[in-house]
Amino acid sequence: MHDTDPLLITDGYTAVRTVPAVPGLHPELTISYRPALAKERHVFRQKMASPDAAVHEAAEADLIRRQLVSINGREYRDPDKVARLVPAVRAWAANLILGYEPADEAKDAKN
């Protein structure tokens, strides 16, 4: 993550994770993303505490639009595209961004 301190997220840091294909759900995925910082995670968790499903949808979609670099080389910044992502793919993206799933450290890249 950082040349001198592996516990810090450097500004502009991009992580990558390759997710194996799941027949009937999605092909192999290469997800590039910018990890959320603590403040972003707190804000996200706060929004997810709402009982309103529309708030959950908006919070997750906003997180993905802001932090996702690409999936298999394609950008998903358009709200309509994010809304239509396969649920399993969307979950992978959100969990990676939030740090609930690890990156492939060997494939990490800086922009």
PDB file of N, CA and C in Angstrom:
ATOM      1  N   MET A   1       0.808  -1.190   0.000  1.00  0.00           N
ATOM      2  CA  MET A   1       0.000   0.000   0.000  1.00  0.00           C
ATOM      3  C   MET A   1       0.858   1.263   0.000  1.00  0.00           C
ATOM      4  N   HIS A   2       1.932   1.239   0.734  1.00  0.00           N
ATOM      5  CA  HIS A   2       2.811   2.396   0.813  1.00  0.00           C
ATOM      6  C   HIS A   2       4.230   1.853   0.902  1.00  0.00           C
ATOM      7  N   ASP A   3       5.180   2.506   0.260  1.00  0.00           N
ATOM      8  CA  ASP A   3       6.551   2.017   0.211  1.00  0.00           C
ATOM      9  C   ASP A   3       7.204   1.898   1.583  1.00  0.00           C
ATOM     10  N   THR A   4       6.901   2.810   2.501  1.00  0.00           N
ATOM     11  CA  THR A   4       7.577   2.791   3.788  1.00  0.00           C
ATOM     12  C   THR A   4       6.714   2.261   4.926  1.00  0.00           C
ATOM     13  N   ASP A   5       5.429   2.317   4.814  1.00  0.00           N
ATOM     14  CA  ASP A   5       4.546   1.830   5.869  1.00  0.00           C
ATOM     15  C   ASP A   5       3.371   1.089   5.245  1.00  0.00           C
ATOM     16  N   PRO A   6       3.381  -0.243   5.324  1.00  0.00           N
ATOM     17  CA  PRO A   6       2.328  -1.031   4.679  1.00  0.00           C
ATOM     18  C   PRO A   6       0.956  -0.892   5.335  1.00  0.00           C
ATOM     19  N   LEU A   7       0.874  -0.163   6.438  1.00  0.00           N
ATOM     20  CA  LEU A   7      -0.411   0.009   7.110  1.00  0.00           C
ATOM     21  C   LEU A   7      -1.126   1.289   6.723  1.00  0.00           C
ATOM     22  N   LEU A   8      -0.497   2.101   5.872  1.00  0.00           N
ATOM     23  CA  LEU A   8      -1.105   3.349   5.437  1.00  0.00           C
ATOM     24  C   LEU A   8      -1.571   3.257   3.995  1.00  0.00           C
ATOM     25  N   ILE A   9      -2.700   3.875   3.697  1.00  0.00           N
ATOM     26  CA  ILE A   9      -3.195   3.952   2.328  1.00  0.00           C
ATOM     27  C   ILE A   9      -2.694   5.255   1.741  1.00  0.00           C
ATOM     28  N   THR A  10      -1.907   5.142   0.686  1.00  0.00           N
ATOM     29  CA  THR A  10      -1.361   6.312   0.022  1.00  0.00           C
ATOM     30  C   THR A  10      -2.411   6.924  -0.894  1.00  0.00           C
ATOM     31  N   ASP A  11      -2.472   8.242  -0.947  1.00  0.00           N
ATOM     32  CA  ASP A  11      -3.406   8.929  -1.832  1.00  0.00           C
ATOM     33  C   ASP A  11      -3.188   8.445  -3.262  1.00  0.00           C
ATOM     34  N   GLY A  12      -4.262   8.086  -3.935  1.00  0.00           N
ATOM     35  CA  GLY A  12      -4.169   7.616  -5.302  1.00  0.00           C
ATOM     36  C   GLY A  12      -3.898   6.123  -5.425  1.00  0.00           C
ATOM     37  N   TYR A  13      -3.807   5.424  -4.297  1.00  0.00           N
ATOM     38  CA  TYR A  13      -3.536   3.990  -4.301  1.00  0.00           C
ATOM     39  C   TYR A  13      -4.685   3.231  -4.960  1.00  0.00           C
ATOM     40  N   THR A  14      -4.342   2.318  -5.838  1.00  0.00           N
ATOM     41  CA  THR A  14      -5.332   1.474  -6.497  1.00  0.00           C
ATOM     42  C   THR A  14      -4.987   0.022  -6.212  1.00  0.00           C
ATOM     43  N   ALA A  15      -5.976  -0.740  -5.799  1.00  0.00           N
ATOM     44  CA  ALA A  15      -5.807  -2.164  -5.523  1.00  0.00           C
ATOM     45  C   ALA A  15      -6.548  -2.961  -6.586  1.00  0.00           C
ATOM     46  N   VAL A  16      -6.151  -4.229  -6.734  1.00  0.00           N
ATOM     47  CA  VAL A  16      -6.755  -5.104  -7.735  1.00  0.00           C
ATOM     48  C   VAL A  16      -7.072  -6.445  -7.090  1.00  0.00           C
ATOM     49  N   ARG A  17      -8.197  -7.008  -7.485  1.00  0.00           N
ATOM     50  CA  ARG A  17      -8.556  -8.355  -7.041  1.00  0.00           C
ATOM     51  C   ARG A  17      -9.117  -9.116  -8.223  1.00  0.00           C
ATOM     52  N   THR A  18      -8.617 -10.321  -8.429  1.00  0.00           N
ATOM     53  CA  THR A  18      -9.166 -11.212  -9.444  1.00  0.00           C
ATOM     54  C   THR A  18     -10.111 -12.180  -8.742  1.00  0.00           C
ATOM     55  N   VAL A  19     -11.340 -12.213  -9.203  1.00  0.00           N
ATOM     56  CA  VAL A  19     -12.376 -13.056  -8.619  1.00  0.00           C
ATOM     57  C   VAL A  19     -12.678 -14.161  -9.628  1.00  0.00           C
ATOM     58  N   PRO A  20     -12.586 -15.422  -9.210  1.00  0.00           N
ATOM     59  CA  PRO A  20     -12.870 -16.511 -10.138  1.00  0.00           C
ATOM     60  C   PRO A  20     -14.301 -16.451 -10.686  1.00  0.00           C
ATOM     61  N   ALA A  21     -14.471 -16.961 -11.894  1.00  0.00           N
ATOM     62  CA  ALA A  21     -15.800 -17.037 -12.509  1.00  0.00           C
ATOM     63  C   ALA A  21     -16.709 -17.935 -11.667  1.00  0.00           C
ATOM     64  N   VAL A  22     -17.979 -17.589 -11.653  1.00  0.00           N
ATOM     65  CA  VAL A  22     -18.999 -18.420 -11.010  1.00  0.00           C
ATOM     66  C   VAL A  22     -20.024 -18.715 -12.099  1.00  0.00           C
ATOM     67  N   PRO A  23     -20.015 -19.943 -12.640  1.00  0.00           N
ATOM     68  CA  PRO A  23     -20.931 -20.271 -13.722  1.00  0.00           C
ATOM     69  C   PRO A  23     -22.378 -19.907 -13.380  1.00  0.00           C
ATOM     70  N   GLY A  24     -23.018 -19.249 -14.320  1.00  0.00           N
ATOM     71  CA  GLY A  24     -24.394 -18.830 -14.128  1.00  0.00           C
ATOM     72  C   GLY A  24     -24.544 -17.505 -13.401  1.00  0.00           C
ATOM     73  N   LEU A  25     -23.437 -16.983 -12.833  1.00  0.00           N
ATOM     74  CA  LEU A  25     -23.485 -15.705 -12.127  1.00  0.00           C
ATOM     75  C   LEU A  25     -22.650 -14.633 -12.820  1.00  0.00           C
ATOM     76  N   HIS A  26     -21.357 -14.935 -13.031  1.00  0.00           N
ATOM     77  CA  HIS A  26     -20.479 -13.947 -13.659  1.00  0.00           C
ATOM     78  C   HIS A  26     -19.199 -14.613 -14.167  1.00  0.00           C
ATOM     79  N   PRO A  27     -18.542 -13.975 -15.159  1.00  0.00           N
ATOM     80  CA  PRO A  27     -17.256 -14.477 -15.639  1.00  0.00           C
ATOM     81  C   PRO A  27     -16.168 -14.119 -14.622  1.00  0.00           C
ATOM     82  N   GLU A  28     -14.930 -14.525 -14.898  1.00  0.00           N
ATOM     83  CA  GLU A  28     -13.818 -14.090 -14.052  1.00  0.00           C
ATOM     84  C   GLU A  28     -13.803 -12.562 -14.039  1.00  0.00           C
ATOM     85  N   LEU A  29     -13.563 -11.995 -12.888  1.00  0.00           N
ATOM     86  CA  LEU A  29     -13.583 -10.540 -12.738  1.00  0.00           C
ATOM     87  C   LEU A  29     -12.210 -10.039 -12.306  1.00  0.00           C
ATOM     88  N   THR A  30     -11.776  -8.960 -12.900  1.00  0.00           N
ATOM     89  CA  THR A  30     -10.613  -8.234 -12.411  1.00  0.00           C
ATOM     90  C   THR A  30     -11.144  -6.886 -11.968  1.00  0.00           C
ATOM     91  N   ILE A  31     -11.191  -6.704 -10.657  1.00  0.00           N
ATOM     92  CA  ILE A  31     -11.776  -5.497 -10.075  1.00  0.00           C
ATOM     93  C   ILE A  31     -10.656  -4.582  -9.582  1.00  0.00           C
ATOM     94  N   SER A  32     -10.605  -3.374 -10.137  1.00  0.00           N
ATOM     95  CA  SER A  32      -9.649  -2.353  -9.711  1.00  0.00           C
ATOM     96  C   SER A  32     -10.429  -1.299  -8.942  1.00  0.00           C
ATOM     97  N   TYR A  33      -9.904  -0.903  -7.794  1.00  0.00           N
ATOM     98  CA  TYR A  33     -10.654   0.003  -6.932  1.00  0.00           C
ATOM     99  C   TYR A  33      -9.715   0.796  -6.029  1.00  0.00           C
ATOM    100  N   ARG A  34     -10.242   1.861  -5.492  1.00  0.00           N
ATOM    101  CA  ARG A  34      -9.528   2.663  -4.500  1.00  0.00           C
ATOM    102  C   ARG A  34     -10.153   2.344  -3.138  1.00  0.00           C
ATOM    103  N   PRO A  35      -9.346   1.822  -2.216  1.00  0.00           N
ATOM    104  CA  PRO A  35      -9.888   1.471  -0.901  1.00  0.00           C
ATOM    105  C   PRO A  35     -10.479   2.685  -0.175  1.00  0.00           C
ATOM    106  N   ALA A  36     -11.583   2.462   0.500  1.00  0.00           N
ATOM    107  CA  ALA A  36     -12.218   3.524   1.298  1.00  0.00           C
ATOM    108  C   ALA A  36     -11.377   3.783   2.543  1.00  0.00           C
ATOM    109  N   LEU A  37     -11.267   5.036   2.898  1.00  0.00           N
ATOM    110  CA  LEU A  37     -10.599   5.406   4.137  1.00  0.00           C
ATOM    111  C   LEU A  37     -11.597   5.272   5.284  1.00  0.00           C
ATOM    112  N   ALA A  38     -11.105   5.372   6.508  1.00  0.00           N
ATOM    113  CA  ALA A  38     -11.947   5.170   7.688  1.00  0.00           C
ATOM    114  C   ALA A  38     -13.178   6.072   7.692  1.00  0.00           C
ATOM    115  N   LYS A  39     -13.013   7.350   7.356  1.00  0.00           N
ATOM    116  CA  LYS A  39     -14.152   8.270   7.364  1.00  0.00           C
ATOM    117  C   LYS A  39     -15.231   7.805   6.385  1.00  0.00           C
ATOM    118  N   GLU A  40     -14.812   7.357   5.195  1.00  0.00           N
ATOM    119  CA  GLU A  40     -15.780   6.882   4.199  1.00  0.00           C
ATOM    120  C   GLU A  40     -16.512   5.640   4.706  1.00  0.00           C
ATOM    121  N   ARG A  41     -15.797   4.763   5.404  1.00  0.00           N
ATOM    122  CA  ARG A  41     -16.426   3.567   5.961  1.00  0.00           C
ATOM    123  C   ARG A  41     -17.440   3.938   7.036  1.00  0.00           C
ATOM    124  N   HIS A  42     -17.094   4.907   7.887  1.00  0.00           N
ATOM    125  CA  HIS A  42     -18.016   5.340   8.944  1.00  0.00           C
ATOM    126  C   HIS A  42     -19.290   5.934   8.342  1.00  0.00           C
ATOM    127  N   VAL A  43     -19.125   6.783   7.352  1.00  0.00           N
ATOM    128  CA  VAL A  43     -20.285   7.396   6.691  1.00  0.00           C
ATOM    129  C   VAL A  43     -21.152   6.312   6.060  1.00  0.00           C
ATOM    130  N   PHE A  44     -20.522   5.351   5.398  1.00  0.00           N
ATOM    131  CA  PHE A  44     -21.262   4.263   4.764  1.00  0.00           C
ATOM    132  C   PHE A  44     -22.048   3.462   5.811  1.00  0.00           C
ATOM    133  N   ARG A  45     -21.385   3.082   6.894  1.00  0.00           N
ATOM    134  CA  ARG A  45     -22.064   2.301   7.945  1.00  0.00           C
ATOM    135  C   ARG A  45     -23.223   3.083   8.553  1.00  0.00           C
ATOM    136  N   GLN A  46     -23.035   4.365   8.713  1.00  0.00           N
ATOM    137  CA  GLN A  46     -24.101   5.212   9.252  1.00  0.00           C
ATOM    138  C   GLN A  46     -25.329   5.182   8.336  1.00  0.00           C
ATOM    139  N   LYS A  47     -25.093   5.294   7.028  1.00  0.00           N
ATOM    140  CA  LYS A  47     -26.203   5.252   6.073  1.00  0.00           C
ATOM    141  C   LYS A  47     -26.865   3.876   6.066  1.00  0.00           C
ATOM    142  N   MET A  48     -26.077   2.823   6.223  1.00  0.00           N
ATOM    143  CA  MET A  48     -26.630   1.478   6.189  1.00  0.00           C
ATOM    144  C   MET A  48     -27.446   1.162   7.450  1.00  0.00           C
ATOM    145  N   ALA A  49     -27.327   1.985   8.473  1.00  0.00           N
ATOM    146  CA  ALA A  49     -28.123   1.791   9.685  1.00  0.00           C
ATOM    147  C   ALA A  49     -29.566   2.250   9.489  1.00  0.00           C
ATOM    148  N   SER A  50     -29.821   2.950   8.405  1.00  0.00           N
ATOM    149  CA  SER A  50     -31.179   3.409   8.106  1.00  0.00           C
ATOM    150  C   SER A  50     -32.074   2.210   7.793  1.00  0.00           C
ATOM    151  N   PRO A  51     -33.332   2.251   8.205  1.00  0.00           N
ATOM    152  CA  PRO A  51     -34.256   1.168   7.866  1.00  0.00           C
ATOM    153  C   PRO A  51     -34.768   1.266   6.415  1.00  0.00           C
ATOM    154  N   ASP A  52     -34.422   2.335   5.721  1.00  0.00           N
ATOM    155  CA  ASP A  52     -34.913   2.592   4.364  1.00  0.00           C
ATOM    156  C   ASP A  52     -34.016   1.928   3.310  1.00  0.00           C
ATOM    157  N   ALA A  53     -34.565   0.972   2.575  1.00  0.00           N
ATOM    158  CA  ALA A  53     -33.802   0.259   1.544  1.00  0.00           C
ATOM    159  C   ALA A  53     -33.287   1.202   0.462  1.00  0.00           C
ATOM    160  N   ALA A  54     -34.016   2.257   0.175  1.00  0.00           N
ATOM    161  CA  ALA A  54     -33.564   3.220  -0.835  1.00  0.00           C
ATOM    162  C   ALA A  54     -32.285   3.931  -0.390  1.00  0.00           C
ATOM    163  N   VAL A  55     -32.154   4.161   0.904  1.00  0.00           N
ATOM    164  CA  VAL A  55     -30.933   4.774   1.438  1.00  0.00           C
ATOM    165  C   VAL A  55     -29.764   3.808   1.270  1.00  0.00           C
ATOM    166  N   HIS A  56     -29.989   2.529   1.521  1.00  0.00           N
ATOM    167  CA  HIS A  56     -28.950   1.502   1.345  1.00  0.00           C
ATOM    168  C   HIS A  56     -28.490   1.464  -0.107  1.00  0.00           C
ATOM    169  N   GLU A  57     -29.454   1.409  -1.023  1.00  0.00           N
ATOM    170  CA  GLU A  57     -29.160   1.361  -2.460  1.00  0.00           C
ATOM    171  C   GLU A  57     -28.328   2.562  -2.871  1.00  0.00           C
ATOM    172  N   ALA A  58     -28.741   3.741  -2.454  1.00  0.00           N
ATOM    173  CA  ALA A  58     -28.040   4.971  -2.836  1.00  0.00           C
ATOM    174  C   ALA A  58     -26.634   5.014  -2.251  1.00  0.00           C
ATOM    175  N   ALA A  59     -26.481   4.585  -1.007  1.00  0.00           N
ATOM    176  CA  ALA A  59     -25.165   4.615  -0.353  1.00  0.00           C
ATOM    177  C   ALA A  59     -24.184   3.669  -1.042  1.00  0.00           C
ATOM    178  N   GLU A  60     -24.642   2.459  -1.343  1.00  0.00           N
ATOM    179  CA  GLU A  60     -23.771   1.488  -2.001  1.00  0.00           C
ATOM    180  C   GLU A  60     -23.433   1.929  -3.420  1.00  0.00           C
ATOM    181  N   ALA A  61     -24.421   2.414  -4.153  1.00  0.00           N
ATOM    182  CA  ALA A  61     -24.185   2.876  -5.520  1.00  0.00           C
ATOM    183  C   ALA A  61     -23.208   4.046  -5.541  1.00  0.00           C
ATOM    184  N   ASP A  62     -23.364   4.973  -4.609  1.00  0.00           N
ATOM    185  CA  ASP A  62     -22.463   6.126  -4.535  1.00  0.00           C
ATOM    186  C   ASP A  62     -21.038   5.679  -4.218  1.00  0.00           C
ATOM    187  N   LEU A  63     -20.898   4.754  -3.279  1.00  0.00           N
ATOM    188  CA  LEU A  63     -19.581   4.222  -2.926  1.00  0.00           C
ATOM    189  C   LEU A  63     -18.911   3.605  -4.152  1.00  0.00           C
ATOM    190  N   ILE A  64     -19.644   2.791  -4.883  1.00  0.00           N
ATOM    191  CA  ILE A  64     -19.094   2.118  -6.058  1.00  0.00           C
ATOM    192  C   ILE A  64     -18.732   3.133  -7.138  1.00  0.00           C
ATOM    193  N   ARG A  65     -19.587   4.094  -7.391  1.00  0.00           N
ATOM    194  CA  ARG A  65     -19.287   5.109  -8.421  1.00  0.00           C
ATOM    195  C   ARG A  65     -18.033   5.906  -8.073  1.00  0.00           C
ATOM    196  N   ARG A  66     -17.833   6.200  -6.794  1.00  0.00           N
ATOM    197  CA  ARG A  66     -16.684   7.018  -6.383  1.00  0.00           C
ATOM    198  C   ARG A  66     -15.385   6.235  -6.305  1.00  0.00           C
ATOM    199  N   GLN A  67     -15.440   4.969  -5.880  1.00  0.00           N
ATOM    200  CA  GLN A  67     -14.216   4.239  -5.550  1.00  0.00           C
ATOM    201  C   GLN A  67     -13.827   3.153  -6.570  1.00  0.00           C
ATOM    202  N   LEU A  68     -14.765   2.694  -7.364  1.00  0.00           N
ATOM    203  CA  LEU A  68     -14.458   1.642  -8.329  1.00  0.00           C
ATOM    204  C   LEU A  68     -13.730   2.240  -9.526  1.00  0.00           C
ATOM    205  N   VAL A  69     -12.588   1.685  -9.861  1.00  0.00           N
ATOM    206  CA  VAL A  69     -11.843   2.135 -11.038  1.00  0.00           C
ATOM    207  C   VAL A  69     -12.374   1.407 -12.264  1.00  0.00           C
ATOM    208  N   SER A  70     -12.450   0.066 -12.183  1.00  0.00           N
ATOM    209  CA  SER A  70     -12.974  -0.699 -13.315  1.00  0.00           C
ATOM    210  C   SER A  70     -13.229  -2.147 -12.922  1.00  0.00           C
ATOM    211  N   ILE A  71     -14.038  -2.797 -13.738  1.00  0.00           N
ATOM    212  CA  ILE A  71     -14.226  -4.245 -13.674  1.00  0.00           C
ATOM    213  C   ILE A  71     -13.936  -4.750 -15.073  1.00  0.00           C
ATOM    214  N   ASN A  72     -12.958  -5.625 -15.172  1.00  0.00           N
ATOM    215  CA  ASN A  72     -12.521  -6.151 -16.476  1.00  0.00           C
ATOM    216  C   ASN A  72     -12.247  -5.024 -17.473  1.00  0.00           C
ATOM    217  N   GLY A  73     -11.664  -3.939 -16.970  1.00  0.00           N
ATOM    218  CA  GLY A  73     -11.279  -2.818 -17.825  1.00  0.00           C
ATOM    219  C   GLY A  73     -12.391  -1.838 -18.159  1.00  0.00           C
ATOM    220  N   ARG A  74     -13.600  -2.087 -17.688  1.00  0.00           N
ATOM    221  CA  ARG A  74     -14.727  -1.187 -17.972  1.00  0.00           C
ATOM    222  C   ARG A  74     -15.055  -0.346 -16.739  1.00  0.00           C
ATOM    223  N   GLU A  75     -15.356   0.925 -16.976  1.00  0.00           N
ATOM    224  CA  GLU A  75     -15.748   1.820 -15.890  1.00  0.00           C
ATOM    225  C   GLU A  75     -17.253   1.715 -15.643  1.00  0.00           C
ATOM    226  N   TYR A  76     -17.620   1.887 -14.389  1.00  0.00           N
ATOM    227  CA  TYR A  76     -19.030   1.850 -13.998  1.00  0.00           C
ATOM    228  C   TYR A  76     -19.336   3.072 -13.142  1.00  0.00           C
ATOM    229  N   ARG A  77     -19.277   4.240 -13.749  1.00  0.00           N
ATOM    230  CA  ARG A  77     -19.553   5.498 -13.042  1.00  0.00           C
ATOM    231  C   ARG A  77     -20.993   5.968 -13.287  1.00  0.00           C
ATOM    232  N   ASP A  78     -21.601   5.462 -14.328  1.00  0.00           N
ATOM    233  CA  ASP A  78     -22.970   5.839 -14.660  1.00  0.00           C
ATOM    234  C   ASP A  78     -23.922   5.186 -13.644  1.00  0.00           C
ATOM    235  N   PRO A  79     -24.785   5.984 -13.002  1.00  0.00           N
ATOM    236  CA  PRO A  79     -25.702   5.429 -11.997  1.00  0.00           C
ATOM    237  C   PRO A  79     -26.558   4.279 -12.515  1.00  0.00           C
ATOM    238  N   ASP A  80     -26.983   4.357 -13.775  1.00  0.00           N
ATOM    239  CA  ASP A  80     -27.807   3.295 -14.339  1.00  0.00           C
ATOM    240  C   ASP A  80     -27.021   1.995 -14.452  1.00  0.00           C
ATOM    241  N   LYS A  81     -25.758   2.082 -14.850  1.00  0.00           N
ATOM    242  CA  LYS A  81     -24.932   0.871 -14.951  1.00  0.00           C
ATOM    243  C   LYS A  81     -24.685   0.259 -13.577  1.00  0.00           C
ATOM    244  N   VAL A  82     -24.396   1.091 -12.597  1.00  0.00           N
ATOM    245  CA  VAL A  82     -24.167   0.581 -11.242  1.00  0.00           C
ATOM    246  C   VAL A  82     -25.430  -0.109 -10.726  1.00  0.00           C
ATOM    247  N   ALA A  83     -26.570   0.481 -10.973  1.00  0.00           N
ATOM    248  CA  ALA A  83     -27.842  -0.095 -10.523  1.00  0.00           C
ATOM    249  C   ALA A  83     -28.101  -1.454 -11.153  1.00  0.00           C
ATOM    250  N   ARG A  84     -27.576  -1.668 -12.360  1.00  0.00           N
ATOM    251  CA  ARG A  84     -27.846  -2.911 -13.073  1.00  0.00           C
ATOM    252  C   ARG A  84     -26.727  -3.948 -12.952  1.00  0.00           C
ATOM    253  N   LEU A  85     -25.686  -3.663 -12.163  1.00  0.00           N
ATOM    254  CA  LEU A  85     -24.642  -4.671 -11.958  1.00  0.00           C
ATOM    255  C   LEU A  85     -25.239  -5.921 -11.320  1.00  0.00           C
ATOM    256  N   VAL A  86     -24.762  -7.072 -11.730  1.00  0.00           N
ATOM    257  CA  VAL A  86     -25.186  -8.334 -11.126  1.00  0.00           C
ATOM    258  C   VAL A  86     -24.957  -8.220  -9.613  1.00  0.00           C
ATOM    259  N   PRO A  87     -25.944  -8.578  -8.792  1.00  0.00           N
ATOM    260  CA  PRO A  87     -25.803  -8.404  -7.342  1.00  0.00           C
ATOM    261  C   PRO A  87     -24.517  -8.992  -6.754  1.00  0.00           C
ATOM    262  N   ALA A  88     -24.097 -10.165  -7.200  1.00  0.00           N
ATOM    263  CA  ALA A  88     -22.863 -10.758  -6.667  1.00  0.00           C
ATOM    264  C   ALA A  88     -21.639  -9.915  -7.028  1.00  0.00           C
ATOM    265  N   VAL A  89     -21.632  -9.335  -8.217  1.00  0.00           N
ATOM    266  CA  VAL A  89     -20.526  -8.489  -8.658  1.00  0.00           C
ATOM    267  C   VAL A  89     -20.527  -7.195  -7.853  1.00  0.00           C
ATOM    268  N   ARG A  90     -21.697  -6.648  -7.675  1.00  0.00           N
ATOM    269  CA  ARG A  90     -21.822  -5.413  -6.894  1.00  0.00           C
ATOM    270  C   ARG A  90     -21.359  -5.644  -5.454  1.00  0.00           C
ATOM    271  N   ALA A  91     -21.705  -6.786  -4.882  1.00  0.00           N
ATOM    272  CA  ALA A  91     -21.280  -7.113  -3.518  1.00  0.00           C
ATOM    273  C   ALA A  91     -19.758  -7.245  -3.434  1.00  0.00           C
ATOM    274  N   TRP A  92     -19.154  -7.919  -4.430  1.00  0.00           N
ATOM    275  CA  TRP A  92     -17.695  -8.018  -4.459  1.00  0.00           C
ATOM    276  C   TRP A  92     -17.066  -6.635  -4.485  1.00  0.00           C
ATOM    277  N   ALA A  93     -17.562  -5.769  -5.355  1.00  0.00           N
ATOM    278  CA  ALA A  93     -16.994  -4.425  -5.480  1.00  0.00           C
ATOM    279  C   ALA A  93     -17.098  -3.673  -4.157  1.00  0.00           C
ATOM    280  N   ALA A  94     -18.269  -3.664  -3.546  1.00  0.00           N
ATOM    281  CA  ALA A  94     -18.464  -2.938  -2.287  1.00  0.00           C
ATOM    282  C   ALA A  94     -17.587  -3.515  -1.177  1.00  0.00           C
ATOM    283  N   ASN A  95     -17.527  -4.828  -1.067  1.00  0.00           N
ATOM    284  CA  ASN A  95     -16.722  -5.456  -0.012  1.00  0.00           C
ATOM    285  C   ASN A  95     -15.231  -5.197  -0.187  1.00  0.00           C
ATOM    286  N   LEU A  96     -14.772  -5.177  -1.417  1.00  0.00           N
ATOM    287  CA  LEU A  96     -13.361  -4.854  -1.666  1.00  0.00           C
ATOM    288  C   LEU A  96     -13.069  -3.407  -1.302  1.00  0.00           C
ATOM    289  N   ILE A  97     -13.912  -2.502  -1.765  1.00  0.00           N
ATOM    290  CA  ILE A  97     -13.725  -1.071  -1.487  1.00  0.00           C
ATOM    291  C   ILE A  97     -13.695  -0.812   0.013  1.00  0.00           C
ATOM    292  N   LEU A  98     -14.573  -1.465   0.745  1.00  0.00           N
ATOM    293  CA  LEU A  98     -14.676  -1.250   2.186  1.00  0.00           C
ATOM    294  C   LEU A  98     -13.625  -2.014   2.985  1.00  0.00           C
ATOM    295  N   GLY A  99     -12.848  -2.855   2.326  1.00  0.00           N
ATOM    296  CA  GLY A  99     -11.793  -3.597   3.007  1.00  0.00           C
ATOM    297  C   GLY A  99     -12.270  -4.861   3.689  1.00  0.00           C
ATOM    298  N   TYR A 100     -13.448  -5.362   3.320  1.00  0.00           N
ATOM    299  CA  TYR A 100     -13.962  -6.596   3.908  1.00  0.00           C
ATOM    300  C   TYR A 100     -13.439  -7.828   3.175  1.00  0.00           C
ATOM    301  N   GLU A 101     -12.835  -7.627   2.006  1.00  0.00           N
ATOM    302  CA  GLU A 101     -12.176  -8.676   1.220  1.00  0.00           C
ATOM    303  C   GLU A 101     -10.796  -8.141   0.845  1.00  0.00           C
ATOM    304  N   PRO A 102      -9.782  -9.003   0.787  1.00  0.00           N
ATOM    305  CA  PRO A 102      -8.432  -8.531   0.468  1.00  0.00           C
ATOM    306  C   PRO A 102      -8.180  -8.370  -1.031  1.00  0.00           C
ATOM    307  N   ALA A 103      -7.202  -7.529  -1.329  1.00  0.00           N
ATOM    308  CA  ALA A 103      -6.734  -7.345  -2.710  1.00  0.00           C
ATOM    309  C   ALA A 103      -5.752  -8.452  -3.041  1.00  0.00           C
ATOM    310  N   ASP A 104      -5.440  -8.599  -4.333  1.00  0.00           N
ATOM    311  CA  ASP A 104      -4.349  -9.462  -4.768  1.00  0.00           C
ATOM    312  C   ASP A 104      -3.092  -8.610  -4.676  1.00  0.00           C
ATOM    313  N   GLU A 105      -2.347  -8.719  -3.588  1.00  0.00           N
ATOM    314  CA  GLU A 105      -1.203  -7.830  -3.387  1.00  0.00           C
ATOM    315  C   GLU A 105      -0.195  -7.901  -4.529  1.00  0.00           C
ATOM    316  N   ALA A 106      -0.037  -9.035  -5.147  1.00  0.00           N
ATOM    317  CA  ALA A 106       0.926  -9.168  -6.234  1.00  0.00           C
ATOM    318  C   ALA A 106       0.527  -8.362  -7.455  1.00  0.00           C
ATOM    319  N   LYS A 107      -0.768  -8.028  -7.564  1.00  0.00           N
ATOM    320  CA  LYS A 107      -1.241  -7.307  -8.744  1.00  0.00           C
ATOM    321  C   LYS A 107      -1.545  -5.848  -8.441  1.00  0.00           C
ATOM    322  N   ASP A 108      -1.281  -5.396  -7.200  1.00  0.00           N
ATOM    323  CA  ASP A 108      -1.558  -4.007  -6.851  1.00  0.00           C
ATOM    324  C   ASP A 108      -0.779  -3.061  -7.750  1.00  0.00           C
ATOM    325  N   ALA A 109      -1.378  -1.915  -8.048  1.00  0.00           N
ATOM    326  CA  ALA A 109      -0.737  -0.916  -8.898  1.00  0.00           C
ATOM    327  C   ALA A 109      -1.035   0.456  -8.368  1.00  0.00           C
ATOM    328  N   LYS A 110      -0.109   1.371  -8.589  1.00  0.00           N
ATOM    329  CA  LYS A 110      -0.359   2.770  -8.238  1.00  0.00           C
ATOM    330  C   LYS A 110      -0.596   3.532  -9.511  1.00  0.00           C
ATOM    331  N   ASN A 111      -1.497   4.521  -9.444  1.00  0.00           N
ATOM    332  CA  ASN A 111      -1.733   5.384 -10.607  1.00  0.00           C
ATOM    333  C   ASN A 111      -0.792   6.544 -10.557  1.00  0.00           C
TER     334      ASN A 111
END
